[in-house]
Amino acid sequence: MVTRSSNLSFSDSCASY
């Protein structure tokens, strides 16, 4: 459920949660 722009890194996705 992490469909974000390539601008951010995977780390950002993890932090979001």
Foldseek 3Di string as FASTA:
>chain_A
DDDDDPPDDVVVVVVVD
